[in-house]
PDB file of N, CA and C in Angstrom:
ATOM      1  N   UNK A   1       0.839  -1.174   0.000  1.00  0.00           N
ATOM      2  CA  UNK A   1       0.000   0.000   0.000  1.00  0.00           C
ATOM      3  C   UNK A   1       0.889   1.244   0.000  1.00  0.00           C
ATOM      4  N   UNK A   2       0.503   2.223  -0.781  1.00  0.00           N
ATOM      5  CA  UNK A   2       1.221   3.488  -0.799  1.00  0.00           C
ATOM      6  C   UNK A   2       0.652   4.398   0.291  1.00  0.00           C
ATOM      7  N   UNK A   3       1.489   5.272   0.823  1.00  0.00           N
ATOM      8  CA  UNK A   3       1.045   6.204   1.857  1.00  0.00           C
ATOM      9  C   UNK A   3       1.447   7.626   1.490  1.00  0.00           C
ATOM     10  N   UNK A   4       0.633   8.573   1.938  1.00  0.00           N
ATOM     11  CA  UNK A   4       0.983   9.987   1.826  1.00  0.00           C
ATOM     12  C   UNK A   4       0.606  10.633   3.151  1.00  0.00           C
ATOM     13  N   UNK A   5       1.119  11.850   3.371  1.00  0.00           N
ATOM     14  CA  UNK A   5       0.999  12.463   4.685  1.00  0.00           C
ATOM     15  C   UNK A   5       0.504  13.905   4.607  1.00  0.00           C
ATOM     16  N   UNK A   6      -0.414  14.225   5.468  1.00  0.00           N
ATOM     17  CA  UNK A   6      -0.892  15.590   5.646  1.00  0.00           C
ATOM     18  C   UNK A   6       0.186  16.367   6.395  1.00  0.00           C
ATOM     19  N   UNK A   7       0.228  17.667   6.208  1.00  0.00           N
ATOM     20  CA  UNK A   7       1.253  18.479   6.887  1.00  0.00           C
ATOM     21  C   UNK A   7       1.134  18.392   8.408  1.00  0.00           C
ATOM     22  N   UNK A   8      -0.078  18.197   8.930  1.00  0.00           N
ATOM     23  CA  UNK A   8      -0.265  18.064  10.383  1.00  0.00           C
ATOM     24  C   UNK A   8       0.434  16.792  10.884  1.00  0.00           C
ATOM     25  N   UNK A   9       0.336  15.716  10.118  1.00  0.00           N
ATOM     26  CA  UNK A   9       1.003  14.469  10.499  1.00  0.00           C
ATOM     27  C   UNK A   9       2.518  14.670  10.502  1.00  0.00           C
ATOM     28  N   UNK A  10       3.031  15.282   9.462  1.00  0.00           N
ATOM     29  CA  UNK A  10       4.476  15.549   9.381  1.00  0.00           C
ATOM     30  C   UNK A  10       4.938  16.419  10.537  1.00  0.00           C
ATOM     31  N   UNK A  11       4.122  17.406  10.901  1.00  0.00           N
ATOM     32  CA  UNK A  11       4.458  18.301  12.009  1.00  0.00           C
ATOM     33  C   UNK A  11       4.531  17.525  13.322  1.00  0.00           C
ATOM     34  N   UNK A  12       3.602  16.606  13.520  1.00  0.00           N
ATOM     35  CA  UNK A  12       3.613  15.787  14.731  1.00  0.00           C
ATOM     36  C   UNK A  12       4.868  14.916  14.784  1.00  0.00           C
ATOM     37  N   UNK A  13       5.293  14.394  13.646  1.00  0.00           N
ATOM     38  CA  UNK A  13       6.525  13.602  13.610  1.00  0.00           C
ATOM     39  C   UNK A  13       7.731  14.443  14.030  1.00  0.00           C
ATOM     40  N   UNK A  14       7.806  15.647  13.507  1.00  0.00           N
ATOM     41  CA  UNK A  14       8.934  16.519  13.835  1.00  0.00           C
ATOM     42  C   UNK A  14       8.882  16.992  15.284  1.00  0.00           C
ATOM     43  N   UNK A  15       7.681  17.138  15.811  1.00  0.00           N
ATOM     44  CA  UNK A  15       7.490  17.591  17.189  1.00  0.00           C
ATOM     45  C   UNK A  15       7.879  16.501  18.191  1.00  0.00           C
ATOM     46  N   UNK A  16       7.838  15.246  17.760  1.00  0.00           N
ATOM     47  CA  UNK A  16       8.123  14.117  18.639  1.00  0.00           C
ATOM     48  C   UNK A  16       9.256  13.266  18.081  1.00  0.00           C
ATOM     49  N   UNK A  17      10.494  13.770  18.126  1.00  0.00           N
ATOM     50  CA  UNK A  17      11.603  13.028  17.515  1.00  0.00           C
ATOM     51  C   UNK A  17      11.797  11.630  18.101  1.00  0.00           C
ATOM     52  N   UNK A  18      11.465  11.440  19.362  1.00  0.00           N
ATOM     53  CA  UNK A  18      11.624  10.111  19.963  1.00  0.00           C
ATOM     54  C   UNK A  18      10.637   9.111  19.361  1.00  0.00           C
ATOM     55  N   UNK A  19       9.525   9.594  18.847  1.00  0.00           N
ATOM     56  CA  UNK A  19       8.529   8.714  18.231  1.00  0.00           C
ATOM     57  C   UNK A  19       8.723   8.548  16.730  1.00  0.00           C
ATOM     58  N   UNK A  20       9.512   9.399  16.145  1.00  0.00           N
ATOM     59  CA  UNK A  20       9.652   9.406  14.692  1.00  0.00           C
ATOM     60  C   UNK A  20      10.102   8.049  14.148  1.00  0.00           C
ATOM     61  N   UNK A  21      11.118   7.460  14.759  1.00  0.00           N
ATOM     62  CA  UNK A  21      11.632   6.178  14.275  1.00  0.00           C
ATOM     63  C   UNK A  21      10.584   5.086  14.431  1.00  0.00           C
ATOM     64  N   UNK A  22       9.902   5.071  15.567  1.00  0.00           N
ATOM     65  CA  UNK A  22       8.867   4.058  15.797  1.00  0.00           C
ATOM     66  C   UNK A  22       7.714   4.230  14.804  1.00  0.00           C
ATOM     67  N   UNK A  23       7.310   5.464  14.550  1.00  0.00           N
ATOM     68  CA  UNK A  23       6.233   5.736  13.594  1.00  0.00           C
ATOM     69  C   UNK A  23       6.645   5.287  12.200  1.00  0.00           C
ATOM     70  N   UNK A  24       7.873   5.574  11.820  1.00  0.00           N
ATOM     71  CA  UNK A  24       8.356   5.163  10.502  1.00  0.00           C
ATOM     72  C   UNK A  24       8.357   3.640  10.377  1.00  0.00           C
ATOM     73  N   UNK A  25       8.770   2.936  11.436  1.00  0.00           N
ATOM     74  CA  UNK A  25       8.763   1.473  11.424  1.00  0.00           C
ATOM     75  C   UNK A  25       7.351   0.935  11.231  1.00  0.00           C
ATOM     76  N   UNK A  26       6.406   1.520  11.962  1.00  0.00           N
ATOM     77  CA  UNK A  26       5.017   1.051  11.877  1.00  0.00           C
ATOM     78  C   UNK A  26       4.403   1.360  10.510  1.00  0.00           C
ATOM     79  N   UNK A  27       4.765   2.464   9.929  1.00  0.00           N
ATOM     80  CA  UNK A  27       4.214   2.817   8.615  1.00  0.00           C
ATOM     81  C   UNK A  27       4.795   1.907   7.537  1.00  0.00           C
ATOM     82  N   UNK A  28       6.062   1.537   7.665  1.00  0.00           N
ATOM     83  CA  UNK A  28       6.652   0.574   6.730  1.00  0.00           C
ATOM     84  C   UNK A  28       5.931  -0.773   6.869  1.00  0.00           C
ATOM     85  N   UNK A  29       5.682  -1.198   8.102  1.00  0.00           N
ATOM     86  CA  UNK A  29       4.936  -2.432   8.334  1.00  0.00           C
ATOM     87  C   UNK A  29       3.535  -2.328   7.738  1.00  0.00           C
ATOM     88  N   UNK A  30       2.877  -1.199   7.970  1.00  0.00           N
ATOM     89  CA  UNK A  30       1.544  -0.946   7.429  1.00  0.00           C
ATOM     90  C   UNK A  30       1.544  -1.023   5.904  1.00  0.00           C
ATOM     91  N   UNK A  31       2.567  -0.469   5.277  1.00  0.00           N
ATOM     92  CA  UNK A  31       2.652  -0.474   3.814  1.00  0.00           C
ATOM     93  C   UNK A  31       2.667  -1.886   3.246  1.00  0.00           C
ATOM     94  N   UNK A  32       3.318  -2.787   3.948  1.00  0.00           N
ATOM     95  CA  UNK A  32       3.412  -4.160   3.481  1.00  0.00           C
ATOM     96  C   UNK A  32       2.263  -5.038   3.927  1.00  0.00           C
ATOM     97  N   UNK A  33       1.773  -4.790   5.142  1.00  0.00           N
ATOM     98  CA  UNK A  33       0.710  -5.620   5.712  1.00  0.00           C
ATOM     99  C   UNK A  33      -0.198  -4.748   6.585  1.00  0.00           C
ATOM    100  N   UNK A  34      -1.161  -4.046   5.983  1.00  0.00           N
ATOM    101  CA  UNK A  34      -1.983  -3.073   6.708  1.00  0.00           C
ATOM    102  C   UNK A  34      -2.741  -3.627   7.919  1.00  0.00           C
ATOM    103  N   UNK A  35      -3.015  -4.912   7.923  1.00  0.00           N
ATOM    104  CA  UNK A  35      -3.781  -5.472   9.028  1.00  0.00           C
ATOM    105  C   UNK A  35      -2.953  -6.402   9.908  1.00  0.00           C
ATOM    106  N   UNK A  36      -1.657  -6.135   9.980  1.00  0.00           N
ATOM    107  CA  UNK A  36      -0.797  -6.900  10.882  1.00  0.00           C
ATOM    108  C   UNK A  36      -1.342  -6.708  12.300  1.00  0.00           C
ATOM    109  N   UNK A  37      -1.420  -7.781  13.089  1.00  0.00           N
ATOM    110  CA  UNK A  37      -2.025  -7.677  14.429  1.00  0.00           C
ATOM    111  C   UNK A  37      -1.398  -6.625  15.344  1.00  0.00           C
ATOM    112  N   UNK A  38      -0.110  -6.393  15.225  1.00  0.00           N
ATOM    113  CA  UNK A  38       0.553  -5.417  16.101  1.00  0.00           C
ATOM    114  C   UNK A  38       0.042  -3.992  15.859  1.00  0.00           C
ATOM    115  N   UNK A  39      -0.489  -3.732  14.671  1.00  0.00           N
ATOM    116  CA  UNK A  39      -0.978  -2.390  14.334  1.00  0.00           C
ATOM    117  C   UNK A  39      -2.357  -2.095  14.909  1.00  0.00           C
ATOM    118  N   UNK A  40      -3.115  -3.129  15.216  1.00  0.00           N
ATOM    119  CA  UNK A  40      -4.480  -2.960  15.718  1.00  0.00           C
ATOM    120  C   UNK A  40      -5.275  -1.994  14.832  1.00  0.00           C
ATOM    121  N   UNK A  41      -5.194  -2.192  13.543  1.00  0.00           N
ATOM    122  CA  UNK A  41      -5.862  -1.335  12.555  1.00  0.00           C
ATOM    123  C   UNK A  41      -7.370  -1.483  12.698  1.00  0.00           C
ATOM    124  N   UNK A  42      -8.051  -0.358  12.929  1.00  0.00           N
ATOM    125  CA  UNK A  42      -9.508  -0.415  13.055  1.00  0.00           C
ATOM    126  C   UNK A  42     -10.148   0.901  12.647  1.00  0.00           C
ATOM    127  N   UNK A  43     -11.433   0.820  12.311  1.00  0.00           N
ATOM    128  CA  UNK A  43     -12.167   2.016  11.896  1.00  0.00           C
ATOM    129  C   UNK A  43     -12.582   2.824  13.117  1.00  0.00           C
ATOM    130  N   UNK A  44     -12.812   4.105  12.888  1.00  0.00           N
ATOM    131  CA  UNK A  44     -13.178   5.020  13.967  1.00  0.00           C
ATOM    132  C   UNK A  44     -14.623   5.487  13.804  1.00  0.00           C
ATOM    133  N   UNK A  45     -15.170   6.027  14.877  1.00  0.00           N
ATOM    134  CA  UNK A  45     -16.548   6.528  14.861  1.00  0.00           C
ATOM    135  C   UNK A  45     -16.561   7.956  15.392  1.00  0.00           C
ATOM    136  N   UNK A  46     -17.735   8.543  15.428  1.00  0.00           N
ATOM    137  CA  UNK A  46     -17.875   9.893  15.964  1.00  0.00           C
ATOM    138  C   UNK A  46     -17.231  10.923  15.067  1.00  0.00           C
ATOM    139  N   UNK A  47     -16.471  11.813  15.668  1.00  0.00           N
ATOM    140  CA  UNK A  47     -15.796  12.881  14.931  1.00  0.00           C
ATOM    141  C   UNK A  47     -14.897  12.331  13.827  1.00  0.00           C
ATOM    142  N   UNK A  48     -14.310  11.183  14.053  1.00  0.00           N
ATOM    143  CA  UNK A  48     -13.378  10.573  13.105  1.00  0.00           C
ATOM    144  C   UNK A  48     -14.039   9.535  12.203  1.00  0.00           C
ATOM    145  N   UNK A  49     -15.344   9.544  12.077  1.00  0.00           N
ATOM    146  CA  UNK A  49     -16.014   8.565  11.226  1.00  0.00           C
ATOM    147  C   UNK A  49     -15.478   8.656   9.791  1.00  0.00           C
ATOM    148  N   UNK A  50     -15.230   7.500   9.197  1.00  0.00           N
ATOM    149  CA  UNK A  50     -14.657   7.446   7.850  1.00  0.00           C
ATOM    150  C   UNK A  50     -13.141   7.313   7.866  1.00  0.00           C
ATOM    151  N   UNK A  51     -12.539   7.412   9.044  1.00  0.00           N
ATOM    152  CA  UNK A  51     -11.097   7.272   9.207  1.00  0.00           C
ATOM    153  C   UNK A  51     -10.788   5.957   9.904  1.00  0.00           C
ATOM    154  N   UNK A  52      -9.531   5.585   9.869  1.00  0.00           N
ATOM    155  CA  UNK A  52      -9.043   4.397  10.570  1.00  0.00           C
ATOM    156  C   UNK A  52      -7.799   4.809  11.347  1.00  0.00           C
ATOM    157  N   UNK A  53      -7.349   3.955  12.260  1.00  0.00           N
ATOM    158  CA  UNK A  53      -6.092   4.250  12.920  1.00  0.00           C
ATOM    159  C   UNK A  53      -5.271   3.000  13.127  1.00  0.00           C
ATOM    160  N   UNK A  54      -3.974   3.225  13.379  1.00  0.00           N
ATOM    161  CA  UNK A  54      -3.061   2.149  13.734  1.00  0.00           C
ATOM    162  C   UNK A  54      -2.308   2.574  14.992  1.00  0.00           C
ATOM    163  N   UNK A  55      -1.842   1.593  15.738  1.00  0.00           N
ATOM    164  CA  UNK A  55      -1.045   1.867  16.926  1.00  0.00           C
ATOM    165  C   UNK A  55       0.394   2.154  16.526  1.00  0.00           C
ATOM    166  N   UNK A  56       0.936   3.217  17.100  1.00  0.00           N
ATOM    167  CA  UNK A  56       2.360   3.525  16.942  1.00  0.00           C
ATOM    168  C   UNK A  56       3.102   2.998  18.163  1.00  0.00           C
ATOM    169  N   UNK A  57       2.602   3.329  19.346  1.00  0.00           N
ATOM    170  CA  UNK A  57       3.105   2.790  20.616  1.00  0.00           C
ATOM    171  C   UNK A  57       1.871   2.413  21.431  1.00  0.00           C
ATOM    172  N   UNK A  58       2.074   2.132  22.697  1.00  0.00           N
ATOM    173  CA  UNK A  58       0.945   1.796  23.559  1.00  0.00           C
ATOM    174  C   UNK A  58      -0.087   2.902  23.641  1.00  0.00           C
ATOM    175  N   UNK A  59       0.347   4.158  23.564  1.00  0.00           N
ATOM    176  CA  UNK A  59      -0.582   5.279  23.708  1.00  0.00           C
ATOM    177  C   UNK A  59      -0.723   6.122  22.444  1.00  0.00           C
ATOM    178  N   UNK A  60       0.246   6.085  21.550  1.00  0.00           N
ATOM    179  CA  UNK A  60       0.194   6.922  20.342  1.00  0.00           C
ATOM    180  C   UNK A  60      -0.497   6.207  19.196  1.00  0.00           C
ATOM    181  N   UNK A  61      -1.332   6.963  18.483  1.00  0.00           N
ATOM    182  CA  UNK A  61      -2.079   6.445  17.341  1.00  0.00           C
ATOM    183  C   UNK A  61      -1.807   7.309  16.116  1.00  0.00           C
ATOM    184  N   UNK A  62      -1.864   6.688  14.949  1.00  0.00           N
ATOM    185  CA  UNK A  62      -1.772   7.402  13.675  1.00  0.00           C
ATOM    186  C   UNK A  62      -3.116   7.226  12.976  1.00  0.00           C
ATOM    187  N   UNK A  63      -3.737   8.340  12.601  1.00  0.00           N
ATOM    188  CA  UNK A  63      -5.054   8.331  11.978  1.00  0.00           C
ATOM    189  C   UNK A  63      -4.890   8.521  10.478  1.00  0.00           C
ATOM    190  N   UNK A  64      -5.615   7.709   9.711  1.00  0.00           N
ATOM    191  CA  UNK A  64      -5.526   7.812   8.258  1.00  0.00           C
ATOM    192  C   UNK A  64      -6.884   7.573   7.617  1.00  0.00           C
ATOM    193  N   UNK A  65      -6.959   7.933   6.347  1.00  0.00           N
ATOM    194  CA  UNK A  65      -8.150   7.689   5.536  1.00  0.00           C
ATOM    195  C   UNK A  65      -7.699   6.984   4.264  1.00  0.00           C
ATOM    196  N   UNK A  66      -8.462   5.999   3.859  1.00  0.00           N
ATOM    197  CA  UNK A  66      -8.169   5.349   2.581  1.00  0.00           C
ATOM    198  C   UNK A  66      -8.642   6.245   1.458  1.00  0.00           C
ATOM    199  N   UNK A  67      -7.731   6.621   0.585  1.00  0.00           N
ATOM    200  CA  UNK A  67      -8.059   7.458  -0.559  1.00  0.00           C
ATOM    201  C   UNK A  67      -8.487   6.575  -1.721  1.00  0.00           C
ATOM    202  N   UNK A  68      -7.824   5.464  -1.832  1.00  0.00           N
ATOM    203  CA  UNK A  68      -8.078   4.485  -2.875  1.00  0.00           C
ATOM    204  C   UNK A  68      -7.827   3.128  -2.227  1.00  0.00           C
ATOM    205  N   UNK A  69      -8.068   2.080  -2.929  1.00  0.00           N
ATOM    206  CA  UNK A  69      -7.843   0.747  -2.349  1.00  0.00           C
ATOM    207  C   UNK A  69      -6.373   0.512  -1.991  1.00  0.00           C
ATOM    208  N   UNK A  70      -5.470   1.256  -2.606  1.00  0.00           N
ATOM    209  CA  UNK A  70      -4.054   1.057  -2.325  1.00  0.00           C
ATOM    210  C   UNK A  70      -3.327   2.330  -1.911  1.00  0.00           C
ATOM    211  N   UNK A  71      -4.071   3.358  -1.465  1.00  0.00           N
ATOM    212  CA  UNK A  71      -3.455   4.613  -1.015  1.00  0.00           C
ATOM    213  C   UNK A  71      -4.057   5.035   0.326  1.00  0.00           C
ATOM    214  N   UNK A  72      -3.189   5.205   1.325  1.00  0.00           N
ATOM    215  CA  UNK A  72      -3.615   5.674   2.647  1.00  0.00           C
ATOM    216  C   UNK A  72      -3.049   7.069   2.877  1.00  0.00           C
ATOM    217  N   UNK A  73      -3.906   7.960   3.368  1.00  0.00           N
ATOM    218  CA  UNK A  73      -3.516   9.351   3.629  1.00  0.00           C
ATOM    219  C   UNK A  73      -3.522   9.565   5.135  1.00  0.00           C
ATOM    220  N   UNK A  74      -2.323   9.624   5.735  1.00  0.00           N
ATOM    221  CA  UNK A  74      -2.198   9.816   7.176  1.00  0.00           C
ATOM    222  C   UNK A  74      -2.390  11.293   7.511  1.00  0.00           C
ATOM    223  N   UNK A  75      -3.330  11.570   8.417  1.00  0.00           N
ATOM    224  CA  UNK A  75      -3.696  12.955   8.697  1.00  0.00           C
ATOM    225  C   UNK A  75      -3.263  13.447  10.071  1.00  0.00           C
ATOM    226  N   UNK A  76      -3.110  12.567  11.042  1.00  0.00           N
ATOM    227  CA  UNK A  76      -2.766  13.035  12.387  1.00  0.00           C
ATOM    228  C   UNK A  76      -2.114  11.913  13.176  1.00  0.00           C
ATOM    229  N   UNK A  77      -1.353  12.303  14.183  1.00  0.00           N
ATOM    230  CA  UNK A  77      -0.744  11.353  15.112  1.00  0.00           C
ATOM    231  C   UNK A  77      -0.663  12.048  16.470  1.00  0.00           C
ATOM    232  N   UNK A  78      -1.146  11.378  17.493  1.00  0.00           N
ATOM    233  CA  UNK A  78      -1.097  11.939  18.846  1.00  0.00           C
ATOM    234  C   UNK A  78      -1.442  10.818  19.834  1.00  0.00           C
ATOM    235  N   UNK A  79      -1.521  11.196  21.110  1.00  0.00           N
ATOM    236  CA  UNK A  79      -1.902  10.217  22.114  1.00  0.00           C
ATOM    237  C   UNK A  79      -3.387   9.894  21.950  1.00  0.00           C
ATOM    238  N   UNK A  80      -3.758   8.749  22.448  1.00  0.00           N
ATOM    239  CA  UNK A  80      -5.148   8.312  22.363  1.00  0.00           C
ATOM    240  C   UNK A  80      -6.068   9.362  22.986  1.00  0.00           C
ATOM    241  N   UNK A  81      -5.722   9.853  24.171  1.00  0.00           N
ATOM    242  CA  UNK A  81      -6.596  10.808  24.864  1.00  0.00           C
ATOM    243  C   UNK A  81      -6.692  12.147  24.128  1.00  0.00           C
ATOM    244  N   UNK A  82      -5.631  12.603  23.491  1.00  0.00           N
ATOM    245  CA  UNK A  82      -5.697  13.865  22.742  1.00  0.00           C
ATOM    246  C   UNK A  82      -6.501  13.738  21.458  1.00  0.00           C
ATOM    247  N   UNK A  83      -6.406  12.598  20.797  1.00  0.00           N
ATOM    248  CA  UNK A  83      -7.135  12.424  19.537  1.00  0.00           C
ATOM    249  C   UNK A  83      -8.635  12.252  19.740  1.00  0.00           C
ATOM    250  N   UNK A  84      -9.015  11.594  20.824  1.00  0.00           N
ATOM    251  CA  UNK A  84     -10.424  11.210  20.977  1.00  0.00           C
ATOM    252  C   UNK A  84     -11.112  11.899  22.142  1.00  0.00           C
ATOM    253  N   UNK A  85     -10.808  13.165  22.360  1.00  0.00           N
ATOM    254  CA  UNK A  85     -11.466  13.958  23.420  1.00  0.00           C
ATOM    255  C   UNK A  85     -12.919  14.172  23.072  1.00  0.00           C
TER     256      UNK A  85
END
C-alpha cells in the first residue's frame, strides 16, 4: 500500500523526535501488511467517522483515511486521549 501524509502528520513527527523512528517502522509495516495484528488497525466513529487508525506505541495512534484501495492518507498522530477527546 502506498502512503501519503498531511502536513499536520508531518508536524507531529517533527514535534516528537523520539517517536519518529517508531512511527516510521510502523508505517513501513503498514505499507506491506496493513492489518498486521501489532498495528491494531480499526475504523473510527464519531468525529473521526470514515477514518481508521493504527497503533504507533501503547498510547500513540496514527489516523488515516483510505483514498483508494491502495493509497492511505495519514492525517494526524497523537496520544489516544488527545485524539479522541
